[in-house]
């Protein structure tokens, strides 16, 4: 089989979801969702119907079912298809049909404006066998005492279910490369356990598809796929999106990759933990082998159970570690308040700041001095690192497990500091907490050279082709540390917020520039208030004159009316922005009217108002725990309105949208958390989200001014209270609000 060469820069962009072919074991028909006109078919339809595919294009679906010998019950089958379309497209899959004395599974799904019907062979005896097998299979998987036991048991159960020669559990690492972490194989096959495969073997767009299609079968690597043809008058030449098609053909480069491995059939089950692709159950067979749809579904169920087990074990471990880190951090903050000293708390020999991560060393650079704890670079090396951070790194928290990728002089630090987690206290003053992890020298066994072969084309461009050799290729990895975990990062983000809050309490003693910053803020407030106030009158005039033109000139053409309407909407938007900027300026001038606030009543009122304002279609809004707080009721209401409104808005595309607010009393604090399952925030932005007019890249599709969180931050500071957050893109956000309990 010939295979193409692919431009190195485009390897991760190959459109594998619209290849326009189906595998040879299946046939495909796609119809318009509105009138059931057939607009796409696979060329191999004759194997199913005995008729040429072009007999069906631009005809109704009833004709197709009649060709399958379904005259008597064709209408009933069509009704089932309509029911599936109206309700859940996957609810009745597979629909079993007897065609020419053979049993076929019809699998239905929606693709944009089309309803896609896939037909593949069915085993008439498989149901009973699976029912007996699946219960005991899942029980055996859940009996594993360790994660490794569970992975190995899952590989065994999948192998028994599908009968493939080799079943592997394949884990993805942070850089996208994979490792075989469990394996069950036939005797006589060489083991793949422990081998690593480069990220380019399963490129980024393929990994994204694995999150959508939880199972993927290639029944016969050497068979020729069948083209999908369309009725162009209806499709205008647009290819059919096969993202959710189980019979979707495979990229030629991947086919050649499997052939180079000697594999003739493959099957995979996705493992998803915390909404990310943790890995795959990857199965190989060395001769063609088809797996019935229901067997694939049972394999998917095993994968989902394994995914839940992985997620539970990881989350449980993270939670236990997080509690340990949090206890150390809380003790440090308490000691700061007791001794009124930052340095003494951080370098306390009994319980230093080193304990909030698993780092082997930490440098505390504060008030012109450098304190070293544990295994660290020298004071001079730390000084050079701080100078580089000040000049090159803008984030409040920066982390890497390979400092050599970023810092020019990293080689001299590798013994103690191949990994760096830098937390800025003040970039301007060069004050940092620098956590270090030493070099972790390891030997990684790759299945072949991890660099894919590169060929130079006639045009001089480097081209990429499938790897041909999978002989074990060992490489020693140097200059890398153990990676920083999400739990460690969250611990440092939270501690930084507590530390900066404490330092702000001592601002008059330890911050030389505080007075200049205050003057700058006051000037900015006055400027923004004046400009905002002066803009209101001309904007109001623009809107009023536009309304007069619309009302008094009925002869204005449609385009003119459209432009005037746009002008009025823009004027309203500008007025809202001015109002928010004035609100931001007003916070610093407004006197606090502190009182006891009954949060139960306030939150219920806000819930009612926000639901009425946003009218969410699928919202689960939960209020748990409502301890009283003391503060300015108007301002506190503004804080919760803003954060709860954001939670509803940015989780609106989740199904369901989940928003939860919960208050707890912790020591001398009342802490409220507001969580959602929305689009999330990249923690690398740190405190920048609280800056005026700062909006993240992933919120462009949502309306907003970038002022709301800046107001929230100011109100919290005015109340001598704290706000911080934990988040991950795609996994929602939790904001925390901490108030002193009087």
Foldseek 3Di string as FASTA:
>chain_A
DDADWFFPVCLQPPQLQQPQWFAPQKWKWKAFLPQQQTFKTWQPCCVQQVDGPVVRHRHHVLVVCVSQVCVPCSVVVVVVCNVCVVPPQQPDFFDWDQGPNFIWTWRWDDFVRIIMTMIGGADPPVPVVCVVQLVVLLVCLVVDPDLLSNQQSLQVSLCVLFVAAKKFWWFADPQQKIAGCYIDGDPPDDDRHQAIAANSLQHDVNQVLCLVAQKEKDQFLPGDITGMDGDCVPVVPDGTRNSPPNRRDGRRQNSVLCVLVQFTMKMWGFQAALSHGGTIGIGTHNGGGDDHPVSRVSSNVSNDSSNVVVNVVVVVVLVVLLVQLVVLLVQLLVVCVVVVDNVCSQVVVVRHNLRNFVFQKKWWCPPNDIDIDGQFDDPVVVVVVLVCCLVPPDFQWDWDQQCVVPDVPLVVGQQWALIWIWHDLDSVVSGIMIGGHHKDKDKGWHQPDNDFDWDQDPVRGIIGHHHNGRHIDIDIDTSGGPGGDLSSVVSSLVSSQSVNLSCVVVCVPGPPCPVVVVVVLLVVLVVLLVVLVVPLVVLVVLLVVLVCCVVVPVPDDPVSVVVSVVSNVVSVVSNVLSVLSNLLSVLVVDDKDKDKDFQVVLVVVLVVVLCVVVVQDAEDEEEEATDIAITRVVLVSLLCNLVQNCLCQQQSPPHRWYWYWYWDDDVQKIKIKIKIQGQKDDCSNRPVLLDAQDDDPVCPVPDDRSRSSVSSCSRCVVQSKTWGKDIDGRGIIMIMIIHGRD
